[in-house]
């Protein structure tokens, strides 16, 4: 999609509604503006993503993982212990 937009005296421009919908930008939405190689880039900031990541980090930090301490079965369907030890250089 390509749209031609005008810039007012204060340097503001309106992002066309179809692009705002496509990018999930609503009132109060924020974008990162970057100039690179003669191109002006507008990249939406996904605040919901930031919230989801923070929630995920909180959840992960509550988990108390423990290393496996039990013995593994000696025979797997597709690999055996001796083969694995040779591949790892242990045997």
C-alpha atoms as a PDB file:
ATOM      1  CA  UNK A   1       0.000   0.000   0.000  1.00  0.00           C
ATOM      2  CA  UNK A   2       1.192   3.462  -0.770  1.00  0.00           C
ATOM      3  CA  UNK A   3      -0.418   6.752   0.202  1.00  0.00           C
ATOM      4  CA  UNK A   4       0.535  10.359  -0.377  1.00  0.00           C
ATOM      5  CA  UNK A   5       0.057  12.509   2.724  1.00  0.00           C
ATOM      6  CA  UNK A   6       0.679  16.187   3.396  1.00  0.00           C
ATOM      7  CA  UNK A   7       2.568  17.751   6.278  1.00  0.00           C
ATOM      8  CA  UNK A   8       1.127  20.767   8.128  1.00  0.00           C
ATOM      9  CA  UNK A   9       2.980  23.844   9.461  1.00  0.00           C
ATOM     10  CA  UNK A  10       3.868  22.069  12.711  1.00  0.00           C
ATOM     11  CA  UNK A  11       5.369  19.123  10.815  1.00  0.00           C
ATOM     12  CA  UNK A  12       2.472  16.769  11.527  1.00  0.00           C
ATOM     13  CA  UNK A  13       1.098  14.276   9.082  1.00  0.00           C
ATOM     14  CA  UNK A  14      -1.872  11.929   9.262  1.00  0.00           C
ATOM     15  CA  UNK A  15      -1.264   8.209   8.824  1.00  0.00           C
ATOM     16  CA  UNK A  16      -4.142   6.962   6.644  1.00  0.00           C
ATOM     17  CA  UNK A  17      -6.789   4.924   8.478  1.00  0.00           C
ATOM     18  CA  UNK A  18      -6.178   1.668   6.531  1.00  0.00           C
ATOM     19  CA  UNK A  19      -2.508   1.743   7.582  1.00  0.00           C
ATOM     20  CA  UNK A  20      -3.379   2.580  11.200  1.00  0.00           C
ATOM     21  CA  UNK A  21      -5.764  -0.389  11.309  1.00  0.00           C
ATOM     22  CA  UNK A  22      -3.194  -2.663   9.685  1.00  0.00           C
ATOM     23  CA  UNK A  23      -0.561  -1.644  12.238  1.00  0.00           C
ATOM     24  CA  UNK A  24      -2.913  -1.657  15.212  1.00  0.00           C
ATOM     25  CA  UNK A  25      -2.350   2.036  15.905  1.00  0.00           C
ATOM     26  CA  UNK A  26      -5.088   3.849  17.767  1.00  0.00           C
ATOM     27  CA  UNK A  27      -5.406   7.088  19.658  1.00  0.00           C
ATOM     28  CA  UNK A  28      -2.425   7.451  21.959  1.00  0.00           C
ATOM     29  CA  UNK A  29      -0.470   4.870  19.970  1.00  0.00           C
ATOM     30  CA  UNK A  30       3.255   5.405  19.715  1.00  0.00           C
ATOM     31  CA  UNK A  31       5.775   4.861  16.938  1.00  0.00           C
ATOM     32  CA  UNK A  32       9.529   4.928  16.617  1.00  0.00           C
ATOM     33  CA  UNK A  33      10.696   7.270  13.853  1.00  0.00           C
ATOM     34  CA  UNK A  34      14.048   6.509  12.217  1.00  0.00           C
ATOM     35  CA  UNK A  35      15.907   7.996   9.280  1.00  0.00           C
ATOM     36  CA  UNK A  36      18.059   5.514   7.392  1.00  0.00           C
ATOM     37  CA  UNK A  37      19.573   5.749   3.913  1.00  0.00           C
ATOM     38  CA  UNK A  38      17.202   8.484   2.750  1.00  0.00           C
ATOM     39  CA  UNK A  39      14.115   6.660   4.047  1.00  0.00           C
ATOM     40  CA  UNK A  40      11.933   7.728   6.945  1.00  0.00           C
ATOM     41  CA  UNK A  41      10.727   4.660   8.857  1.00  0.00           C
ATOM     42  CA  UNK A  42       7.769   4.575  11.225  1.00  0.00           C
ATOM     43  CA  UNK A  43       7.693   1.493  13.436  1.00  0.00           C
ATOM     44  CA  UNK A  44       4.763   0.974  15.827  1.00  0.00           C
ATOM     45  CA  UNK A  45       5.553   0.290  19.465  1.00  0.00           C
ATOM     46  CA  UNK A  46       3.482  -2.658  20.700  1.00  0.00           C
ATOM     47  CA  UNK A  47       2.749  -1.730  24.316  1.00  0.00           C
ATOM     48  CA  UNK A  48       0.743  -4.929  24.739  1.00  0.00           C
ATOM     49  CA  UNK A  49       3.827  -6.902  23.729  1.00  0.00           C
ATOM     50  CA  UNK A  50       5.854  -5.132  26.407  1.00  0.00           C
ATOM     51  CA  UNK A  51       3.191  -5.988  29.004  1.00  0.00           C
ATOM     52  CA  UNK A  52       3.083  -9.623  27.846  1.00  0.00           C
ATOM     53  CA  UNK A  53       6.878  -9.933  28.042  1.00  0.00           C
ATOM     54  CA  UNK A  54       6.950  -8.417  31.537  1.00  0.00           C
ATOM     55  CA  UNK A  55       4.220 -10.858  32.674  1.00  0.00           C
ATOM     56  CA  UNK A  56       6.139 -13.757  31.118  1.00  0.00           C
ATOM     57  CA  UNK A  57       9.364 -12.714  32.879  1.00  0.00           C
ATOM     58  CA  UNK A  58       7.521 -12.524  36.210  1.00  0.00           C
ATOM     59  CA  UNK A  59       6.082 -16.003  35.681  1.00  0.00           C
ATOM     60  CA  UNK A  60       9.415 -17.499  34.656  1.00  0.00           C
ATOM     61  CA  UNK A  61      11.200 -15.958  37.632  1.00  0.00           C
ATOM     62  CA  UNK A  62       8.701 -17.669  39.994  1.00  0.00           C
ATOM     63  CA  UNK A  63       9.515 -21.100  38.579  1.00  0.00           C
ATOM     64  CA  UNK A  64      12.171 -23.013  40.489  1.00  0.00           C
ATOM     65  CA  UNK A  65      13.539 -25.540  37.993  1.00  0.00           C
ATOM     66  CA  UNK A  66      15.523 -28.479  39.329  1.00  0.00           C
ATOM     67  CA  UNK A  67      18.060 -30.455  37.309  1.00  0.00           C
ATOM     68  CA  UNK A  68      17.219 -34.030  36.439  1.00  0.00           C
ATOM     69  CA  UNK A  69      18.626 -36.281  39.110  1.00  0.00           C
ATOM     70  CA  UNK A  70      17.041 -39.622  38.282  1.00  0.00           C
ATOM     71  CA  UNK A  71      18.724 -42.161  36.042  1.00  0.00           C
ATOM     72  CA  UNK A  72      17.571 -42.233  32.471  1.00  0.00           C
ATOM     73  CA  UNK A  73      16.391 -45.436  30.867  1.00  0.00           C
ATOM     74  CA  UNK A  74      19.272 -47.318  29.298  1.00  0.00           C
ATOM     75  CA  UNK A  75      17.509 -48.013  26.025  1.00  0.00           C
ATOM     76  CA  UNK A  76      15.732 -45.427  23.964  1.00  0.00           C
ATOM     77  CA  UNK A  77      13.859 -46.247  20.805  1.00  0.00           C
ATOM     78  CA  UNK A  78      16.289 -44.297  18.626  1.00  0.00           C
ATOM     79  CA  UNK A  79      19.546 -43.981  20.598  1.00  0.00           C
ATOM     80  CA  UNK A  80      21.350 -45.916  23.299  1.00  0.00           C
ATOM     81  CA  UNK A  81      23.589 -44.665  26.110  1.00  0.00           C
ATOM     82  CA  UNK A  82      26.832 -46.035  24.649  1.00  0.00           C
ATOM     83  CA  UNK A  83      26.229 -44.289  21.308  1.00  0.00           C
ATOM     84  CA  UNK A  84      25.405 -40.989  23.026  1.00  0.00           C
ATOM     85  CA  UNK A  85      28.520 -41.161  25.212  1.00  0.00           C
ATOM     86  CA  UNK A  86      30.717 -41.850  22.158  1.00  0.00           C
ATOM     87  CA  UNK A  87      29.183 -38.877  20.315  1.00  0.00           C
ATOM     88  CA  UNK A  88      29.776 -36.640  23.334  1.00  0.00           C
ATOM     89  CA  UNK A  89      33.358 -37.911  23.698  1.00  0.00           C
ATOM     90  CA  UNK A  90      32.680 -39.345  27.160  1.00  0.00           C
ATOM     91  CA  UNK A  91      33.239 -43.035  26.396  1.00  0.00           C
END
